[in-house]
């Protein structure tokens, strides 16, 4: 193999690795609650357990993975699933309170919203769950 062909091969390999990392959630910035929430909502909508597990602390992944696999039909149904599927990449509103954050992503009704609950550990934000507080509770959160 000549030098030019070797360089082209090397560049292609780097591009493929970058594409793979992005497809596997490599573009999620754990220091940004919007990035974590968006990845969590999109993974939930796709019923993508592998991506959801990447968004929680490493020491909790095995236990959470087992629980999700056992209950996936129940977990990925109902109002949470409908809310996640309704999210089409719009604006996310973040409110924080200490090491907790809530990220609003969908209006469920005139009186209820869907939010992602996050927990901060060290410098990183991690997916916790999807909640549906009243709009009043949402408005008061983080004040």
Foldseek 3Di string as FASTA:
>chain_A
DDPVVVVVVVVVVVVVVVVVCVVLVVPQDQLDPVSLFLQCLQCLLVLPLSSLLVQADPVCSVVVSVVCVVCVVVSSDDPSNVQSNPQDPDDWDWADDVQKIWIWGAAPDPFKTKIWIWGHDDSGIGTDGIDIHTVVVVVPPND
